[in-house]
Amino acid sequence: MNAFNARSLKTLFGTLALSLALAGSALAAEKVNINTADAATLDRVLVNVGPAKAQAIVAYRKQNGAFRSAEQLAQVQGIGLKTVEKNREMILVGGGAPAAKPAAAKAPTAPAKGR
């Protein structure tokens, strides 16, 4: 192989390596709103969060309302502060639905008195 081909090949591999590194960074930069994302999205984007933990996040959110901070995610069964820290750059906390409130029993109404 002559010097020109070796240099061209080295440049090609360098460019390819840089392109792959930048592509990996772009994928890692994906963000997810923990108040609106479905379980499949949480599973796909968050590190160390599989389908069961993702479903637990959605269930917790439905029962307790929107997350107010990323740290509050650690209150979900199976999610710890280490997991929150690993995912901090990917977690968005935006508006979400308030907690579902149990239906209140209606108080009996008194019959209207005649005048």
C-alpha atoms as a PDB file:
ATOM      1  CA  MET A   1       0.000   0.000   0.000  1.00  0.00           C
ATOM      2  CA  ASN A   2       1.477   3.351  -0.881  1.00  0.00           C
ATOM      3  CA  ALA A   3       1.662   6.336   1.496  1.00  0.00           C
ATOM      4  CA  PHE A   4      -1.259   8.134  -0.170  1.00  0.00           C
ATOM      5  CA  ASN A   5      -3.668   5.201   0.290  1.00  0.00           C
ATOM      6  CA  ALA A   6      -2.567   4.659   3.908  1.00  0.00           C
ATOM      7  CA  ARG A   7      -3.133   8.323   4.728  1.00  0.00           C
ATOM      8  CA  SER A   8      -6.526   8.343   2.981  1.00  0.00           C
ATOM      9  CA  LEU A   9      -7.580   5.197   4.801  1.00  0.00           C
ATOM     10  CA  LYS A  10      -6.513   6.643   8.141  1.00  0.00           C
ATOM     11  CA  THR A  11      -8.475   9.843   7.432  1.00  0.00           C
ATOM     12  CA  LEU A  12     -11.523   7.822   6.392  1.00  0.00           C
ATOM     13  CA  PHE A  13     -11.471   5.748   9.590  1.00  0.00           C
ATOM     14  CA  GLY A  14     -10.949   8.867  11.699  1.00  0.00           C
ATOM     15  CA  THR A  15     -13.921  10.552  10.079  1.00  0.00           C
ATOM     16  CA  LEU A  16     -16.042   7.449  10.513  1.00  0.00           C
ATOM     17  CA  ALA A  17     -15.117   7.157  14.207  1.00  0.00           C
ATOM     18  CA  LEU A  18     -15.962  10.821  14.802  1.00  0.00           C
ATOM     19  CA  SER A  19     -19.291  10.444  13.007  1.00  0.00           C
ATOM     20  CA  LEU A  20     -20.223   7.433  15.122  1.00  0.00           C
ATOM     21  CA  ALA A  21     -19.243   9.249  18.313  1.00  0.00           C
ATOM     22  CA  LEU A  22     -21.397  12.247  17.399  1.00  0.00           C
ATOM     23  CA  ALA A  23     -24.320  10.013  16.451  1.00  0.00           C
ATOM     24  CA  GLY A  24     -24.053   8.240  19.802  1.00  0.00           C
ATOM     25  CA  SER A  25     -24.088  11.592  21.601  1.00  0.00           C
ATOM     26  CA  ALA A  26     -27.190  12.653  19.708  1.00  0.00           C
ATOM     27  CA  LEU A  27     -29.012   9.482  20.704  1.00  0.00           C
ATOM     28  CA  ALA A  28     -27.924   9.800  24.327  1.00  0.00           C
ATOM     29  CA  ALA A  29     -29.232  13.366  24.422  1.00  0.00           C
ATOM     30  CA  GLU A  30     -32.868  12.318  23.961  1.00  0.00           C
ATOM     31  CA  LYS A  31     -35.018  13.690  26.744  1.00  0.00           C
ATOM     32  CA  VAL A  32     -38.243  12.411  28.251  1.00  0.00           C
ATOM     33  CA  ASN A  33     -40.947  14.199  30.222  1.00  0.00           C
ATOM     34  CA  ILE A  34     -41.667  11.908  33.166  1.00  0.00           C
ATOM     35  CA  ASN A  35     -45.112  13.485  33.583  1.00  0.00           C
ATOM     36  CA  THR A  36     -46.382  12.764  30.091  1.00  0.00           C
ATOM     37  CA  ALA A  37     -44.359   9.874  28.628  1.00  0.00           C
ATOM     38  CA  ASP A  38     -45.856   6.414  28.280  1.00  0.00           C
ATOM     39  CA  ALA A  39     -44.150   3.337  29.709  1.00  0.00           C
ATOM     40  CA  ALA A  40     -42.611   2.341  26.368  1.00  0.00           C
ATOM     41  CA  THR A  41     -40.917   5.727  26.001  1.00  0.00           C
ATOM     42  CA  LEU A  42     -39.644   5.714  29.588  1.00  0.00           C
ATOM     43  CA  ASP A  43     -38.257   2.213  29.033  1.00  0.00           C
ATOM     44  CA  ARG A  44     -36.530   3.240  25.804  1.00  0.00           C
ATOM     45  CA  VAL A  45     -34.973   6.522  26.969  1.00  0.00           C
ATOM     46  CA  LEU A  46     -34.061   6.041  30.625  1.00  0.00           C
ATOM     47  CA  VAL A  47     -30.977   4.061  31.653  1.00  0.00           C
ATOM     48  CA  ASN A  48     -31.572   1.132  34.055  1.00  0.00           C
ATOM     49  CA  VAL A  49     -35.343   1.467  33.630  1.00  0.00           C
ATOM     50  CA  GLY A  50     -36.939  -1.541  32.000  1.00  0.00           C
ATOM     51  CA  PRO A  51     -40.585  -2.261  31.220  1.00  0.00           C
ATOM     52  CA  ALA A  52     -41.575  -3.062  34.821  1.00  0.00           C
ATOM     53  CA  LYS A  53     -40.005   0.081  36.292  1.00  0.00           C
ATOM     54  CA  ALA A  54     -41.400   2.196  33.473  1.00  0.00           C
ATOM     55  CA  GLN A  55     -44.886   0.873  34.200  1.00  0.00           C
ATOM     56  CA  ALA A  56     -44.325   1.570  37.921  1.00  0.00           C
ATOM     57  CA  ILE A  57     -43.484   5.200  37.054  1.00  0.00           C
ATOM     58  CA  VAL A  58     -46.722   5.568  35.079  1.00  0.00           C
ATOM     59  CA  ALA A  59     -48.764   3.917  37.866  1.00  0.00           C
ATOM     60  CA  TYR A  60     -47.169   6.138  40.535  1.00  0.00           C
ATOM     61  CA  ARG A  61     -47.907   9.221  38.429  1.00  0.00           C
ATOM     62  CA  LYS A  62     -51.545   8.216  37.971  1.00  0.00           C
ATOM     63  CA  GLN A  63     -51.998   7.626  41.684  1.00  0.00           C
ATOM     64  CA  ASN A  64     -50.002  10.580  43.045  1.00  0.00           C
ATOM     65  CA  GLY A  65     -50.177  13.187  40.326  1.00  0.00           C
ATOM     66  CA  ALA A  66     -47.439  14.916  38.381  1.00  0.00           C
ATOM     67  CA  PHE A  67     -43.830  14.741  39.493  1.00  0.00           C
ATOM     68  CA  ARG A  68     -42.598  18.102  40.775  1.00  0.00           C
ATOM     69  CA  SER A  69     -38.894  17.220  40.464  1.00  0.00           C
ATOM     70  CA  ALA A  70     -36.624  14.556  39.047  1.00  0.00           C
ATOM     71  CA  GLU A  71     -35.678  13.527  42.593  1.00  0.00           C
ATOM     72  CA  GLN A  72     -39.299  12.632  43.316  1.00  0.00           C
ATOM     73  CA  LEU A  73     -38.883   9.808  40.814  1.00  0.00           C
ATOM     74  CA  ALA A  74     -36.895   7.996  43.539  1.00  0.00           C
ATOM     75  CA  GLN A  75     -40.176   7.493  45.429  1.00  0.00           C
ATOM     76  CA  VAL A  76     -41.245   4.972  42.786  1.00  0.00           C
ATOM     77  CA  GLN A  77     -40.702   1.357  43.844  1.00  0.00           C
ATOM     78  CA  GLY A  78     -37.499   0.077  42.231  1.00  0.00           C
ATOM     79  CA  ILE A  79     -36.107   3.511  41.321  1.00  0.00           C
ATOM     80  CA  GLY A  80     -33.307   4.879  43.460  1.00  0.00           C
ATOM     81  CA  LEU A  81     -31.386   8.131  43.570  1.00  0.00           C
ATOM     82  CA  LYS A  82     -28.520   6.505  41.629  1.00  0.00           C
ATOM     83  CA  THR A  83     -30.900   5.798  38.749  1.00  0.00           C
ATOM     84  CA  VAL A  84     -32.201   9.368  38.911  1.00  0.00           C
ATOM     85  CA  GLU A  85     -28.624  10.709  38.798  1.00  0.00           C
ATOM     86  CA  LYS A  86     -27.709   8.509  35.814  1.00  0.00           C
ATOM     87  CA  ASN A  87     -30.720   9.884  33.955  1.00  0.00           C
ATOM     88  CA  ARG A  88     -30.693  13.505  35.157  1.00  0.00           C
ATOM     89  CA  GLU A  89     -29.708  14.924  31.742  1.00  0.00           C
ATOM     90  CA  MET A  90     -32.566  13.056  30.057  1.00  0.00           C
ATOM     91  CA  ILE A  91     -35.361  13.811  32.540  1.00  0.00           C
ATOM     92  CA  LEU A  92     -37.778  16.652  31.905  1.00  0.00           C
ATOM     93  CA  VAL A  93     -40.406  17.603  34.475  1.00  0.00           C
ATOM     94  CA  GLY A  94     -43.272  19.439  32.839  1.00  0.00           C
ATOM     95  CA  GLY A  95     -46.967  19.803  33.422  1.00  0.00           C
ATOM     96  CA  GLY A  96     -48.921  16.640  33.895  1.00  0.00           C
ATOM     97  CA  ALA A  97     -52.307  15.503  35.063  1.00  0.00           C
ATOM     98  CA  PRO A  98     -53.149  15.965  38.750  1.00  0.00           C
ATOM     99  CA  ALA A  99     -53.612  12.901  40.926  1.00  0.00           C
ATOM    100  CA  ALA A 100     -56.826  11.008  40.437  1.00  0.00           C
ATOM    101  CA  LYS A 101     -59.120  11.759  43.352  1.00  0.00           C
ATOM    102  CA  PRO A 102     -61.487   9.137  44.672  1.00  0.00           C
ATOM    103  CA  ALA A 103     -65.128   9.949  44.041  1.00  0.00           C
ATOM    104  CA  ALA A 104     -66.608  11.610  47.092  1.00  0.00           C
ATOM    105  CA  ALA A 105     -69.832  10.162  48.424  1.00  0.00           C
ATOM    106  CA  LYS A 106     -72.708  12.572  48.043  1.00  0.00           C
ATOM    107  CA  ALA A 107     -74.264  13.706  51.280  1.00  0.00           C
ATOM    108  CA  PRO A 108     -77.956  13.034  51.444  1.00  0.00           C
ATOM    109  CA  THR A 109     -79.993  16.151  50.813  1.00  0.00           C
ATOM    110  CA  ALA A 110     -82.715  17.135  53.170  1.00  0.00           C
ATOM    111  CA  PRO A 111     -86.194  17.244  51.696  1.00  0.00           C
ATOM    112  CA  ALA A 112     -87.385  20.759  50.890  1.00  0.00           C
ATOM    113  CA  LYS A 113     -89.741  22.203  53.487  1.00  0.00           C
ATOM    114  CA  GLY A 114     -92.989  23.666  52.327  1.00  0.00           C
ATOM    115  CA  ARG A 115     -93.779  27.268  53.103  1.00  0.00           C
END
